Amino acid sequence: MSRRLRRRSLDAGLPVPKRPYRDSAILYGVLAGLIVVVAYATGGNLLRGVAFAAGFFLLATGWNWWKFRSRLEEERRRR
């Protein structure tokens, strides 16, 4: 089975959350905060940890929002 078909079969059974953009921003914000906490707890460079966490948050949230938007547009086209 190809990757595209497998991905479609996984997405097909999952409903779109009521507030997908907000939920993903909260999730990735918490994970970014964890990156900063780990950097602090391990004695790492805190500025570098904050920069990495910010980059992670922006990339992960942007990717997720883009995928949700594509999925919502695809559902609209089916109707």
C-alpha atoms as a PDB file:
ATOM      1  CA  MET A   1       0.000   0.000   0.000  1.00  0.00           C
ATOM      2  CA  SER A   2       1.398   3.373  -0.921  1.00  0.00           C
ATOM      3  CA  ARG A   3       2.072   6.074   1.606  1.00  0.00           C
ATOM      4  CA  ARG A   4      -0.626   8.336   0.196  1.00  0.00           C
ATOM      5  CA  LEU A   5      -3.287   5.618   0.403  1.00  0.00           C
ATOM      6  CA  ARG A   6      -2.240   4.675   3.910  1.00  0.00           C
ATOM      7  CA  ARG A   7      -2.397   8.312   5.022  1.00  0.00           C
ATOM      8  CA  ARG A   8      -5.846   8.757   3.523  1.00  0.00           C
ATOM      9  CA  SER A   9      -7.146   5.655   5.265  1.00  0.00           C
ATOM     10  CA  LEU A  10      -5.837   6.927   8.613  1.00  0.00           C
ATOM     11  CA  ASP A  11      -7.346  10.394   8.138  1.00  0.00           C
ATOM     12  CA  ALA A  12     -10.659   9.107   6.847  1.00  0.00           C
ATOM     13  CA  GLY A  13     -11.753   7.639  10.173  1.00  0.00           C
ATOM     14  CA  LEU A  14     -10.761  10.574  12.346  1.00  0.00           C
ATOM     15  CA  PRO A  15     -13.172  13.473  12.721  1.00  0.00           C
ATOM     16  CA  VAL A  16     -11.831  16.999  12.465  1.00  0.00           C
ATOM     17  CA  PRO A  17     -11.669  18.523  15.959  1.00  0.00           C
ATOM     18  CA  LYS A  18     -14.102  21.344  16.760  1.00  0.00           C
ATOM     19  CA  ARG A  19     -11.266  23.896  17.017  1.00  0.00           C
ATOM     20  CA  PRO A  20      -8.281  22.339  15.222  1.00  0.00           C
ATOM     21  CA  TYR A  21      -6.189  25.507  14.934  1.00  0.00           C
ATOM     22  CA  ARG A  22      -6.497  26.485  18.587  1.00  0.00           C
ATOM     23  CA  ASP A  23      -5.951  22.928  19.807  1.00  0.00           C
ATOM     24  CA  SER A  24      -2.782  22.465  17.764  1.00  0.00           C
ATOM     25  CA  ALA A  25      -1.393  25.843  18.893  1.00  0.00           C
ATOM     26  CA  ILE A  26      -1.964  24.889  22.538  1.00  0.00           C
ATOM     27  CA  LEU A  27      -0.362  21.454  22.071  1.00  0.00           C
ATOM     28  CA  TYR A  28       2.729  22.802  20.328  1.00  0.00           C
ATOM     29  CA  GLY A  29       2.975  25.670  22.826  1.00  0.00           C
ATOM     30  CA  VAL A  30       3.111  23.154  25.671  1.00  0.00           C
ATOM     31  CA  LEU A  31       5.725  21.089  23.835  1.00  0.00           C
ATOM     32  CA  ALA A  32       7.792  24.217  23.152  1.00  0.00           C
ATOM     33  CA  GLY A  33       7.572  25.052  26.851  1.00  0.00           C
ATOM     34  CA  LEU A  34       8.849  21.558  27.630  1.00  0.00           C
ATOM     35  CA  ILE A  35      11.859  22.182  25.397  1.00  0.00           C
ATOM     36  CA  VAL A  36      12.691  25.304  27.429  1.00  0.00           C
ATOM     37  CA  VAL A  37      12.194  23.444  30.731  1.00  0.00           C
ATOM     38  CA  VAL A  38      14.495  20.627  29.629  1.00  0.00           C
ATOM     39  CA  ALA A  39      17.136  23.130  28.494  1.00  0.00           C
ATOM     40  CA  TYR A  40      16.959  24.857  31.878  1.00  0.00           C
ATOM     41  CA  ALA A  41      16.868  21.629  33.906  1.00  0.00           C
ATOM     42  CA  THR A  42      19.902  20.188  32.157  1.00  0.00           C
ATOM     43  CA  GLY A  43      21.944  23.367  32.524  1.00  0.00           C
ATOM     44  CA  GLY A  44      21.929  24.053  28.805  1.00  0.00           C
ATOM     45  CA  ASN A  45      22.045  27.403  27.105  1.00  0.00           C
ATOM     46  CA  LEU A  46      18.634  28.903  27.914  1.00  0.00           C
ATOM     47  CA  LEU A  47      18.693  31.400  25.046  1.00  0.00           C
ATOM     48  CA  ARG A  48      19.409  28.588  22.609  1.00  0.00           C
ATOM     49  CA  GLY A  49      16.587  26.523  24.147  1.00  0.00           C
ATOM     50  CA  VAL A  50      14.116  29.394  23.750  1.00  0.00           C
ATOM     51  CA  ALA A  51      15.205  29.954  20.143  1.00  0.00           C
ATOM     52  CA  PHE A  52      14.867  26.250  19.346  1.00  0.00           C
ATOM     53  CA  ALA A  53      11.456  26.098  21.067  1.00  0.00           C
ATOM     54  CA  ALA A  54      10.229  29.138  19.114  1.00  0.00           C
ATOM     55  CA  GLY A  55      11.384  27.610  15.838  1.00  0.00           C
ATOM     56  CA  PHE A  56       9.767  24.305  16.724  1.00  0.00           C
ATOM     57  CA  PHE A  57       6.494  26.043  17.621  1.00  0.00           C
ATOM     58  CA  LEU A  58       6.374  28.043  14.391  1.00  0.00           C
ATOM     59  CA  LEU A  59       7.245  25.131  12.114  1.00  0.00           C
ATOM     60  CA  ALA A  60       5.035  22.539  13.807  1.00  0.00           C
ATOM     61  CA  THR A  61       2.034  24.845  14.144  1.00  0.00           C
ATOM     62  CA  GLY A  62       2.374  26.108  10.581  1.00  0.00           C
ATOM     63  CA  TRP A  63       2.622  22.583   9.188  1.00  0.00           C
ATOM     64  CA  ASN A  64      -0.364  21.415  11.213  1.00  0.00           C
ATOM     65  CA  TRP A  65      -2.513  24.397  10.213  1.00  0.00           C
ATOM     66  CA  TRP A  66      -1.602  23.881   6.570  1.00  0.00           C
ATOM     67  CA  LYS A  67      -2.592  20.186   6.756  1.00  0.00           C
ATOM     68  CA  PHE A  68      -5.885  20.992   8.528  1.00  0.00           C
ATOM     69  CA  ARG A  69      -6.712  23.636   5.945  1.00  0.00           C
ATOM     70  CA  SER A  70      -5.993  21.187   3.115  1.00  0.00           C
ATOM     71  CA  ARG A  71      -8.122  18.547   4.778  1.00  0.00           C
ATOM     72  CA  LEU A  72     -11.042  20.934   5.340  1.00  0.00           C
ATOM     73  CA  GLU A  73     -10.874  22.102   1.714  1.00  0.00           C
ATOM     74  CA  GLU A  74     -10.878  18.483   0.546  1.00  0.00           C
ATOM     75  CA  GLU A  75     -13.959  17.750   2.667  1.00  0.00           C
ATOM     76  CA  ARG A  76     -15.720  20.816   1.209  1.00  0.00           C
ATOM     77  CA  ARG A  77     -14.958  19.631  -2.320  1.00  0.00           C
ATOM     78  CA  ARG A  78     -16.447  16.211  -1.594  1.00  0.00           C
ATOM     79  CA  ARG A  79     -19.776  17.763  -0.555  1.00  0.00           C
END
